[in-house]
Amino acid sequence: MDNRRRNRKVTSSGSKQDTPDISAREGADDTVVWARWQGITAIIGAAITLGGAGFFLYDRFAAPSQAAPQPVLPGAVPPQGAHPNCTVRSICLWPQGKFGGKVWIWSPDESPAGRIPAYLRDHVGSFDAQTDGCFVDSERPEKRPVYAGDWSEKYTDINRFGRRMDTIAAGC
């Protein structure tokens, strides 16, 4: 007998003996598939983390007109004496924050649409409104309504309208 019969392996003369082992290949594919899923989950986790950080930064640093409005609690009125009150049916403007500097008083009865003085244009540091009105930026045509009882002691802070307003009108 020839060597092929003795080893009990019968092969034809034209066949390949290098057939891959199926069980070894399946294990390798599982490793590749598992590595792919790990990569995909890492990318998804990074996207969620970056998205959350983006929302946090937007909420923290967005302009007040763009951020979600904060709910006002009943009875959340500033205590008396927290800021100077303007006379009834008028709006008072100050060039500095915390009501500092020379005050300018506007009234719809005296000037329905009045240009504010040069020292206050684009520099309204604080205001107190005891009547309804409209703050106007005539360069961009942009308007912000103001209502009786509204006030701010930091109106020139970043993204606040005190940096842009130059006119007051009786209505928007």
Protein backbone atom coordinates (compact mmCIF):
# COMPACT_ATOMS: atom_id res chain seq x y z
CA MET A 1 0.00 0.00 0.00
CA ASP A 2 1.09 3.39 -0.57
CA ASN A 3 1.50 6.04 2.12
CA ARG A 4 -1.86 7.59 1.53
CA ARG A 5 -3.74 4.47 2.62
CA ARG A 6 -1.65 3.77 5.65
CA ASN A 7 -2.36 7.13 7.27
CA ARG A 8 -6.05 6.62 6.53
CA LYS A 9 -6.26 9.95 4.86
CA VAL A 10 -7.58 9.66 1.46
CA THR A 11 -7.02 12.61 -0.76
CA SER A 12 -7.35 12.88 -4.39
CA SER A 13 -4.36 13.98 -6.25
CA GLY A 14 -5.90 17.31 -7.31
CA SER A 15 -7.48 18.40 -3.99
CA LYS A 16 -6.11 20.96 -1.57
CA GLN A 17 -5.08 19.89 1.86
CA ASP A 18 -4.98 23.47 3.21
CA THR A 19 -8.68 23.82 3.93
CA PRO A 20 -9.17 26.31 6.75
CA ASP A 21 -10.45 25.11 10.08
CA ILE A 22 -14.02 26.42 10.42
CA SER A 23 -14.00 26.57 14.23
CA ALA A 24 -10.87 28.78 14.30
CA ARG A 25 -12.37 31.17 11.77
CA GLU A 26 -15.64 31.55 13.73
CA GLY A 27 -13.76 32.57 16.88
CA ALA A 28 -11.78 35.14 14.93
CA ASP A 29 -14.96 36.60 13.40
CA ASP A 30 -16.56 36.88 16.84
CA THR A 31 -13.55 38.84 18.05
CA VAL A 32 -13.75 41.18 15.05
CA VAL A 33 -17.51 41.67 15.50
CA TRP A 34 -17.06 42.33 19.22
CA ALA A 35 -14.30 44.87 18.52
CA ARG A 36 -16.58 46.63 16.02
CA TRP A 37 -19.39 46.90 18.60
CA GLN A 38 -16.94 48.26 21.16
CA GLY A 39 -15.86 50.93 18.69
CA ILE A 40 -19.44 51.85 17.82
CA THR A 41 -20.49 52.11 21.47
CA ALA A 42 -17.43 54.24 22.21
CA ILE A 43 -18.39 56.64 19.41
CA ILE A 44 -22.01 56.80 20.63
CA GLY A 45 -20.86 57.42 24.20
CA ALA A 46 -18.55 60.21 23.08
CA ALA A 47 -21.35 61.81 21.03
CA ILE A 48 -23.72 61.73 24.00
CA THR A 49 -21.06 63.19 26.28
CA LEU A 50 -20.19 66.00 23.86
CA GLY A 51 -23.88 66.70 23.22
CA GLY A 52 -24.55 66.96 26.95
CA ALA A 53 -21.59 69.29 27.40
CA GLY A 54 -22.84 71.42 24.50
CA PHE A 55 -26.32 71.73 26.02
CA PHE A 56 -24.82 72.63 29.40
CA LEU A 57 -22.63 75.36 27.89
CA TYR A 58 -25.49 76.73 25.80
CA ASP A 59 -27.76 76.90 28.83
CA ARG A 60 -25.03 78.46 30.97
CA PHE A 61 -23.76 81.10 28.54
CA ALA A 62 -26.62 81.76 26.10
CA ALA A 63 -28.08 85.22 25.85
CA PRO A 64 -31.10 85.66 28.11
CA SER A 65 -33.36 86.16 25.09
CA GLN A 66 -32.25 82.80 23.68
CA ALA A 67 -32.15 80.75 26.86
CA ALA A 68 -35.22 79.06 28.26
CA PRO A 69 -37.15 81.43 30.52
CA GLN A 70 -36.86 80.73 34.22
CA PRO A 71 -40.14 80.32 36.09
CA VAL A 72 -41.07 83.19 38.38
CA LEU A 73 -42.25 82.11 41.80
CA PRO A 74 -45.27 83.84 43.30
CA GLY A 75 -44.21 86.49 45.75
CA ALA A 76 -40.72 86.80 44.20
CA VAL A 77 -40.81 90.58 44.34
CA PRO A 78 -37.60 92.41 45.24
CA PRO A 79 -37.72 93.95 48.69
CA GLN A 80 -38.43 97.67 48.96
CA GLY A 81 -35.28 99.74 48.78
CA ALA A 82 -33.50 97.16 46.59
CA HIS A 83 -33.34 99.76 43.81
CA PRO A 84 -34.43 103.37 43.38
CA ASN A 85 -37.96 103.71 42.10
CA CYS A 86 -38.75 105.95 39.19
CA THR A 87 -41.79 108.23 39.30
CA VAL A 88 -45.13 106.85 38.11
CA ARG A 89 -45.57 106.68 34.30
CA SER A 90 -41.87 107.07 33.55
CA ILE A 91 -38.74 105.03 32.79
CA CYS A 92 -35.43 105.95 34.41
CA LEU A 93 -32.08 105.11 32.81
CA TRP A 94 -28.64 105.17 34.44
CA PRO A 95 -25.29 104.94 32.60
CA GLN A 96 -23.72 102.64 35.21
CA GLY A 97 -24.75 99.36 36.74
CA LYS A 98 -26.51 99.31 40.12
CA PHE A 99 -28.24 102.61 39.31
CA GLY A 100 -25.06 104.68 39.33
CA GLY A 101 -24.38 107.92 37.49
CA LYS A 102 -26.64 110.69 36.24
CA VAL A 103 -30.24 109.49 35.85
CA TRP A 104 -32.31 110.33 32.76
CA ILE A 105 -36.12 110.14 33.06
CA TRP A 106 -38.36 109.41 30.08
CA SER A 107 -42.14 109.72 30.05
CA PRO A 108 -44.52 108.77 27.22
CA ASP A 109 -46.56 111.90 27.99
CA GLU A 110 -43.61 114.19 27.27
CA SER A 111 -41.88 112.28 24.47
CA PRO A 112 -43.76 109.35 22.84
CA ALA A 113 -40.69 108.36 20.79
CA GLY A 114 -37.57 109.86 22.23
CA ARG A 115 -33.93 109.44 21.40
CA ILE A 116 -31.99 108.96 24.60
CA PRO A 117 -29.09 111.32 25.42
CA ALA A 118 -25.66 110.67 23.92
CA TYR A 119 -24.11 109.58 27.24
CA LEU A 120 -26.67 106.74 27.46
CA ARG A 121 -26.77 105.54 23.83
CA ASP A 122 -25.46 101.98 23.74
CA HIS A 123 -24.45 102.37 27.43
CA VAL A 124 -27.59 101.93 29.57
CA GLY A 125 -26.16 100.36 32.71
CA SER A 126 -29.44 100.02 34.63
CA PHE A 127 -33.09 100.99 34.34
CA ASP A 128 -36.35 101.11 36.26
CA ALA A 129 -39.66 101.12 34.39
CA GLN A 130 -42.85 102.41 36.00
CA THR A 131 -44.73 102.41 32.70
CA ASP A 132 -44.88 100.25 29.59
CA GLY A 133 -42.54 101.15 26.78
CA CYS A 134 -40.21 99.82 24.14
CA PHE A 135 -36.41 99.91 24.02
CA VAL A 136 -35.22 100.32 20.42
CA ASP A 137 -31.92 99.80 18.64
CA SER A 138 -32.32 101.83 15.45
CA GLU A 139 -29.09 100.54 13.86
CA ARG A 140 -30.25 96.92 13.61
CA PRO A 141 -33.98 97.65 13.83
CA GLU A 142 -34.45 95.59 16.98
CA LYS A 143 -36.97 96.22 19.75
CA ARG A 144 -37.50 94.97 23.30
CA PRO A 145 -40.75 95.59 25.15
CA VAL A 146 -40.50 96.80 28.74
CA TYR A 147 -43.38 96.70 31.21
CA ALA A 148 -44.23 98.64 34.36
CA GLY A 149 -42.30 97.10 37.24
CA ASP A 150 -39.39 95.85 35.11
CA TRP A 151 -35.89 96.83 36.24
CA SER A 152 -32.29 95.74 35.85
CA GLU A 153 -29.15 96.80 37.64
CA LYS A 154 -26.83 95.07 35.11
CA TYR A 155 -28.18 96.06 31.72
CA THR A 156 -24.79 96.43 29.99
CA ASP A 157 -23.68 92.88 30.76
CA ILE A 158 -22.78 90.69 27.80
CA ASN A 159 -25.73 90.07 25.47
CA ARG A 160 -27.96 92.56 27.31
CA PHE A 161 -29.90 95.14 25.35
CA GLY A 162 -28.44 98.11 27.27
CA ARG A 163 -25.36 97.79 25.05
CA ARG A 164 -27.45 98.43 21.93
CA MET A 165 -30.47 100.62 22.71
CA ASP A 166 -30.60 104.24 21.61
CA THR A 167 -34.33 105.12 21.63
CA ILE A 168 -37.39 104.64 23.83
CA ALA A 169 -40.88 104.43 22.31
CA ALA A 170 -44.33 104.25 23.89
CA GLY A 171 -45.01 100.85 22.29
CA CYS A 172 -43.29 98.19 20.19
